[in-house]
């Protein structure tokens, strides 16, 4: 596996873990915001991090967290841009599933 695939694989695993671990509560906001900022810091010339897909899934599965992110975006241009992304949730989940299939072996994400 190439390094960029490993980075993508780790980001996908962290996102899945984030969704499992943190409910749609105000107390979860910090963890989602930290994750998003971390994904933005990943530098890769060959792999695009699926940030639009992540934002769509957060918007759909964690609406309160998304609302709080949007409220905080007035002071953060990157966050403002990301909370304005409008992607169909089904398409976002399909894209994430395809990425997982492309870079992982079976059962990697089912731990």
C-alpha atoms as a PDB file:
ATOM      1  CA  UNK A   1       0.000   0.000   0.000  1.00  0.00           C
ATOM      2  CA  UNK A   2       1.291   3.447  -0.886  1.00  0.00           C
ATOM      3  CA  UNK A   3       1.799   6.063   1.823  1.00  0.00           C
ATOM      4  CA  UNK A   4      -1.039   8.238   0.523  1.00  0.00           C
ATOM      5  CA  UNK A   5      -3.387   5.264   0.622  1.00  0.00           C
ATOM      6  CA  UNK A   6      -2.313   4.596   4.192  1.00  0.00           C
ATOM      7  CA  UNK A   7      -3.105   8.209   5.144  1.00  0.00           C
ATOM      8  CA  UNK A   8      -6.510   7.971   3.509  1.00  0.00           C
ATOM      9  CA  UNK A   9      -7.153   4.635   5.176  1.00  0.00           C
ATOM     10  CA  UNK A  10      -6.315   6.108   8.597  1.00  0.00           C
ATOM     11  CA  UNK A  11      -8.565   9.128   8.020  1.00  0.00           C
ATOM     12  CA  UNK A  12     -11.467   6.875   6.992  1.00  0.00           C
ATOM     13  CA  UNK A  13     -10.981   4.715  10.083  1.00  0.00           C
ATOM     14  CA  UNK A  14     -10.847   7.781  12.356  1.00  0.00           C
ATOM     15  CA  UNK A  15     -14.046   9.143  10.823  1.00  0.00           C
ATOM     16  CA  UNK A  16     -15.860   5.863  11.308  1.00  0.00           C
ATOM     17  CA  UNK A  17     -14.643   5.724  14.909  1.00  0.00           C
ATOM     18  CA  UNK A  18     -15.718   9.329  15.480  1.00  0.00           C
ATOM     19  CA  UNK A  19     -19.256   8.561  14.335  1.00  0.00           C
ATOM     20  CA  UNK A  20     -19.440   5.499  16.568  1.00  0.00           C
ATOM     21  CA  UNK A  21     -17.981   7.165  19.640  1.00  0.00           C
ATOM     22  CA  UNK A  22     -19.540  10.632  19.717  1.00  0.00           C
ATOM     23  CA  UNK A  23     -23.304  11.252  19.676  1.00  0.00           C
ATOM     24  CA  UNK A  24     -25.091  14.286  18.306  1.00  0.00           C
ATOM     25  CA  UNK A  25     -24.498  16.462  21.372  1.00  0.00           C
ATOM     26  CA  UNK A  26     -22.824  19.783  21.998  1.00  0.00           C
ATOM     27  CA  UNK A  27     -20.071  17.977  23.927  1.00  0.00           C
ATOM     28  CA  UNK A  28     -19.068  16.185  20.712  1.00  0.00           C
ATOM     29  CA  UNK A  29     -18.419  19.389  18.763  1.00  0.00           C
ATOM     30  CA  UNK A  30     -14.766  19.670  19.792  1.00  0.00           C
ATOM     31  CA  UNK A  31     -13.971  16.164  18.526  1.00  0.00           C
ATOM     32  CA  UNK A  32     -15.606  16.699  15.135  1.00  0.00           C
ATOM     33  CA  UNK A  33     -13.979  20.104  14.697  1.00  0.00           C
ATOM     34  CA  UNK A  34     -10.565  18.693  15.622  1.00  0.00           C
ATOM     35  CA  UNK A  35     -11.055  15.865  13.125  1.00  0.00           C
ATOM     36  CA  UNK A  36     -11.994  18.263  10.324  1.00  0.00           C
ATOM     37  CA  UNK A  37      -9.002  20.515  11.015  1.00  0.00           C
ATOM     38  CA  UNK A  38      -6.736  17.455  11.053  1.00  0.00           C
ATOM     39  CA  UNK A  39      -8.028  16.255   7.694  1.00  0.00           C
ATOM     40  CA  UNK A  40      -7.381  19.698   6.224  1.00  0.00           C
ATOM     41  CA  UNK A  41      -3.748  19.479   7.374  1.00  0.00           C
ATOM     42  CA  UNK A  42      -3.091  16.197   5.553  1.00  0.00           C
ATOM     43  CA  UNK A  43      -0.881  17.025   2.591  1.00  0.00           C
ATOM     44  CA  UNK A  44      -1.133  14.663  -0.332  1.00  0.00           C
ATOM     45  CA  UNK A  45      -0.431  15.279  -3.988  1.00  0.00           C
ATOM     46  CA  UNK A  46      -2.107  12.110  -5.222  1.00  0.00           C
ATOM     47  CA  UNK A  47      -5.032  11.527  -2.878  1.00  0.00           C
ATOM     48  CA  UNK A  48      -7.903  13.880  -2.165  1.00  0.00           C
ATOM     49  CA  UNK A  49      -9.338  13.545   1.287  1.00  0.00           C
ATOM     50  CA  UNK A  50     -13.121  13.092   1.086  1.00  0.00           C
ATOM     51  CA  UNK A  51     -13.894  16.189   3.156  1.00  0.00           C
ATOM     52  CA  UNK A  52     -17.096  17.003   1.229  1.00  0.00           C
ATOM     53  CA  UNK A  53     -18.338  13.491   1.948  1.00  0.00           C
ATOM     54  CA  UNK A  54     -17.430  13.815   5.632  1.00  0.00           C
ATOM     55  CA  UNK A  55     -19.308  17.108   5.911  1.00  0.00           C
ATOM     56  CA  UNK A  56     -22.380  15.667   4.194  1.00  0.00           C
ATOM     57  CA  UNK A  57     -22.413  12.681   6.527  1.00  0.00           C
ATOM     58  CA  UNK A  58     -21.951  14.884   9.606  1.00  0.00           C
ATOM     59  CA  UNK A  59     -24.777  17.141   8.384  1.00  0.00           C
ATOM     60  CA  UNK A  60     -27.085  14.148   7.992  1.00  0.00           C
ATOM     61  CA  UNK A  61     -26.043  11.950  10.938  1.00  0.00           C
ATOM     62  CA  UNK A  62     -25.051  14.643  13.463  1.00  0.00           C
ATOM     63  CA  UNK A  63     -27.326  17.615  12.670  1.00  0.00           C
ATOM     64  CA  UNK A  64     -26.736  19.388  16.002  1.00  0.00           C
ATOM     65  CA  UNK A  65     -22.963  19.091  15.671  1.00  0.00           C
ATOM     66  CA  UNK A  66     -23.221  20.374  12.096  1.00  0.00           C
ATOM     67  CA  UNK A  67     -25.377  23.306  13.211  1.00  0.00           C
ATOM     68  CA  UNK A  68     -22.805  24.201  15.883  1.00  0.00           C
ATOM     69  CA  UNK A  69     -19.978  23.939  13.346  1.00  0.00           C
ATOM     70  CA  UNK A  70     -21.897  26.272  11.050  1.00  0.00           C
ATOM     71  CA  UNK A  71     -22.419  28.756  13.895  1.00  0.00           C
ATOM     72  CA  UNK A  72     -18.692  28.775  14.630  1.00  0.00           C
ATOM     73  CA  UNK A  73     -17.793  29.200  10.967  1.00  0.00           C
ATOM     74  CA  UNK A  74     -18.190  32.971  11.008  1.00  0.00           C
ATOM     75  CA  UNK A  75     -14.647  33.253  12.415  1.00  0.00           C
ATOM     76  CA  UNK A  76     -13.103  30.542  10.254  1.00  0.00           C
ATOM     77  CA  UNK A  77     -13.139  30.814   6.460  1.00  0.00           C
ATOM     78  CA  UNK A  78     -12.251  27.134   5.914  1.00  0.00           C
ATOM     79  CA  UNK A  79     -15.028  25.984   8.209  1.00  0.00           C
ATOM     80  CA  UNK A  80     -17.443  28.402   6.552  1.00  0.00           C
ATOM     81  CA  UNK A  81     -16.592  26.983   3.132  1.00  0.00           C
ATOM     82  CA  UNK A  82     -16.941  23.395   4.373  1.00  0.00           C
ATOM     83  CA  UNK A  83     -20.314  23.979   6.015  1.00  0.00           C
ATOM     84  CA  UNK A  84     -21.599  25.440   2.737  1.00  0.00           C
ATOM     85  CA  UNK A  85     -20.845  22.242   0.807  1.00  0.00           C
ATOM     86  CA  UNK A  86     -24.057  20.657  -0.391  1.00  0.00           C
ATOM     87  CA  UNK A  87     -23.631  16.992  -1.284  1.00  0.00           C
ATOM     88  CA  UNK A  88     -26.297  14.325  -1.337  1.00  0.00           C
ATOM     89  CA  UNK A  89     -25.864  12.087   1.714  1.00  0.00           C
ATOM     90  CA  UNK A  90     -26.439   8.881  -0.245  1.00  0.00           C
ATOM     91  CA  UNK A  91     -23.771   9.896  -2.767  1.00  0.00           C
ATOM     92  CA  UNK A  92     -21.406  10.764   0.085  1.00  0.00           C
ATOM     93  CA  UNK A  93     -21.846   7.350   1.701  1.00  0.00           C
ATOM     94  CA  UNK A  94     -21.444   5.622  -1.673  1.00  0.00           C
ATOM     95  CA  UNK A  95     -18.216   7.531  -2.347  1.00  0.00           C
ATOM     96  CA  UNK A  96     -16.819   6.579   1.068  1.00  0.00           C
ATOM     97  CA  UNK A  97     -17.750   2.935   0.495  1.00  0.00           C
ATOM     98  CA  UNK A  98     -16.020   2.945  -2.893  1.00  0.00           C
ATOM     99  CA  UNK A  99     -12.881   4.458  -1.373  1.00  0.00           C
ATOM    100  CA  UNK A 100     -12.825   1.781   1.315  1.00  0.00           C
ATOM    101  CA  UNK A 101     -13.170  -0.942  -1.305  1.00  0.00           C
ATOM    102  CA  UNK A 102     -10.354   0.511  -3.390  1.00  0.00           C
ATOM    103  CA  UNK A 103      -7.763   0.770  -0.628  1.00  0.00           C
ATOM    104  CA  UNK A 104      -8.571  -1.857   1.952  1.00  0.00           C
ATOM    105  CA  UNK A 105      -8.720  -5.537   2.443  1.00  0.00           C
ATOM    106  CA  UNK A 106     -11.959  -7.088   3.735  1.00  0.00           C
ATOM    107  CA  UNK A 107     -12.771  -6.622   7.417  1.00  0.00           C
ATOM    108  CA  UNK A 108     -10.366  -3.715   7.980  1.00  0.00           C
ATOM    109  CA  UNK A 109     -13.207  -1.351   8.836  1.00  0.00           C
ATOM    110  CA  UNK A 110     -15.249  -3.907  10.745  1.00  0.00           C
ATOM    111  CA  UNK A 111     -13.115  -4.042  13.898  1.00  0.00           C
END
